[in-house]
Amino acid sequence: MWRSSAMYVISIQSSALSKLKIRVRLIVETRHALSLRCR
């Protein structure tokens, strides 16, 4: 029981981490595009 709940928490954290990485990548790309446009 405890082991399955631990795996559940780990899967939730990994999915949240992947979403965070995607969000950071989008922010970085948009910022890069804006900086290129401003030049």
N, C-alpha and C. Protein backbone atom coordinates (compact mmCIF):
# COMPACT_ATOMS: atom_id res chain seq x y z
N MET A 1 0.83 -1.20 0.00
CA MET A 1 0.00 0.00 0.00
C MET A 1 0.88 1.27 0.00
N TRP A 2 1.84 1.31 0.95
CA TRP A 2 2.68 2.50 1.02
C TRP A 2 3.50 2.66 -0.26
N ARG A 3 3.97 1.52 -0.78
CA ARG A 3 4.82 1.58 -1.97
C ARG A 3 4.03 2.09 -3.17
N SER A 4 2.81 1.64 -3.33
CA SER A 4 2.00 2.10 -4.47
C SER A 4 1.69 3.59 -4.33
N SER A 5 1.43 4.05 -3.12
CA SER A 5 1.14 5.47 -2.93
C SER A 5 2.39 6.30 -3.22
N ALA A 6 3.56 5.77 -2.87
CA ALA A 6 4.81 6.49 -3.15
C ALA A 6 5.01 6.59 -4.67
N MET A 7 4.74 5.50 -5.39
CA MET A 7 4.87 5.53 -6.85
C MET A 7 3.87 6.53 -7.44
N TYR A 8 2.67 6.61 -6.85
CA TYR A 8 1.64 7.54 -7.32
C TYR A 8 2.15 8.98 -7.16
N VAL A 9 2.73 9.29 -6.01
CA VAL A 9 3.25 10.64 -5.77
C VAL A 9 4.39 10.95 -6.74
N ILE A 10 5.26 9.97 -6.97
CA ILE A 10 6.39 10.17 -7.89
C ILE A 10 5.88 10.44 -9.31
N SER A 11 4.85 9.72 -9.72
CA SER A 11 4.31 9.93 -11.07
C SER A 11 3.69 11.32 -11.18
N ILE A 12 3.02 11.77 -10.13
CA ILE A 12 2.43 13.11 -10.14
C ILE A 12 3.53 14.16 -10.24
N GLN A 13 4.60 13.98 -9.46
CA GLN A 13 5.69 14.95 -9.49
C GLN A 13 6.37 14.98 -10.86
N SER A 14 6.57 13.81 -11.47
CA SER A 14 7.23 13.77 -12.77
C SER A 14 6.37 14.44 -13.84
N SER A 15 5.04 14.24 -13.78
CA SER A 15 4.18 14.87 -14.77
C SER A 15 4.17 16.38 -14.58
N ALA A 16 4.17 16.82 -13.33
CA ALA A 16 4.21 18.26 -13.05
C ALA A 16 5.53 18.84 -13.53
N LEU A 17 6.61 18.08 -13.36
CA LEU A 17 7.93 18.55 -13.79
C LEU A 17 7.98 18.69 -15.31
N SER A 18 7.38 17.73 -16.02
CA SER A 18 7.38 17.80 -17.49
C SER A 18 6.56 19.00 -17.96
N LYS A 19 5.43 19.28 -17.29
CA LYS A 19 4.63 20.45 -17.65
C LYS A 19 5.41 21.72 -17.41
N LEU A 20 6.16 21.74 -16.30
CA LEU A 20 6.95 22.92 -15.98
C LEU A 20 8.03 23.14 -17.02
N LYS A 21 8.67 22.06 -17.46
CA LYS A 21 9.71 22.17 -18.49
C LYS A 21 9.13 22.72 -19.78
N ILE A 22 7.93 22.25 -20.16
CA ILE A 22 7.29 22.73 -21.39
C ILE A 22 7.00 24.22 -21.27
N ARG A 23 6.50 24.63 -20.10
CA ARG A 23 6.16 26.04 -19.89
C ARG A 23 7.41 26.91 -19.97
N VAL A 24 8.50 26.45 -19.34
CA VAL A 24 9.75 27.21 -19.37
C VAL A 24 10.27 27.32 -20.79
N ARG A 25 10.17 26.23 -21.54
CA ARG A 25 10.65 26.24 -22.93
C ARG A 25 9.85 27.24 -23.75
N LEU A 26 8.53 27.28 -23.55
CA LEU A 26 7.70 28.23 -24.29
C LEU A 26 8.08 29.66 -23.95
N ILE A 27 8.29 29.93 -22.66
CA ILE A 27 8.65 31.28 -22.23
C ILE A 27 9.98 31.69 -22.85
N VAL A 28 10.95 30.78 -22.83
CA VAL A 28 12.27 31.09 -23.38
C VAL A 28 12.17 31.35 -24.88
N GLU A 29 11.40 30.54 -25.59
CA GLU A 29 11.28 30.72 -27.04
C GLU A 29 10.59 32.03 -27.38
N THR A 30 9.53 32.38 -26.65
CA THR A 30 8.82 33.62 -26.94
C THR A 30 9.70 34.82 -26.63
N ARG A 31 10.46 34.73 -25.54
CA ARG A 31 11.35 35.83 -25.18
C ARG A 31 12.43 36.01 -26.24
N HIS A 32 12.95 34.89 -26.75
CA HIS A 32 13.98 34.94 -27.80
C HIS A 32 13.41 35.57 -29.07
N ALA A 33 12.19 35.18 -29.43
CA ALA A 33 11.56 35.74 -30.63
C ALA A 33 11.31 37.24 -30.46
N LEU A 34 10.89 37.64 -29.26
CA LEU A 34 10.64 39.07 -29.02
C LEU A 34 11.94 39.86 -29.10
N SER A 35 13.02 39.31 -28.56
CA SER A 35 14.30 40.02 -28.59
C SER A 35 14.79 40.14 -30.04
N LEU A 36 14.56 39.11 -30.85
CA LEU A 36 14.97 39.19 -32.26
C LEU A 36 14.12 40.23 -32.99
N ARG A 37 12.84 40.31 -32.64
CA ARG A 37 11.95 41.25 -33.31
C ARG A 37 12.30 42.69 -32.94
N CYS A 38 12.68 42.91 -31.68
CA CYS A 38 13.00 44.26 -31.23
C CYS A 38 14.26 44.78 -31.91
N ARG A 39 15.18 43.89 -32.26
CA ARG A 39 16.38 44.32 -32.97
C ARG A 39 16.01 44.66 -34.40
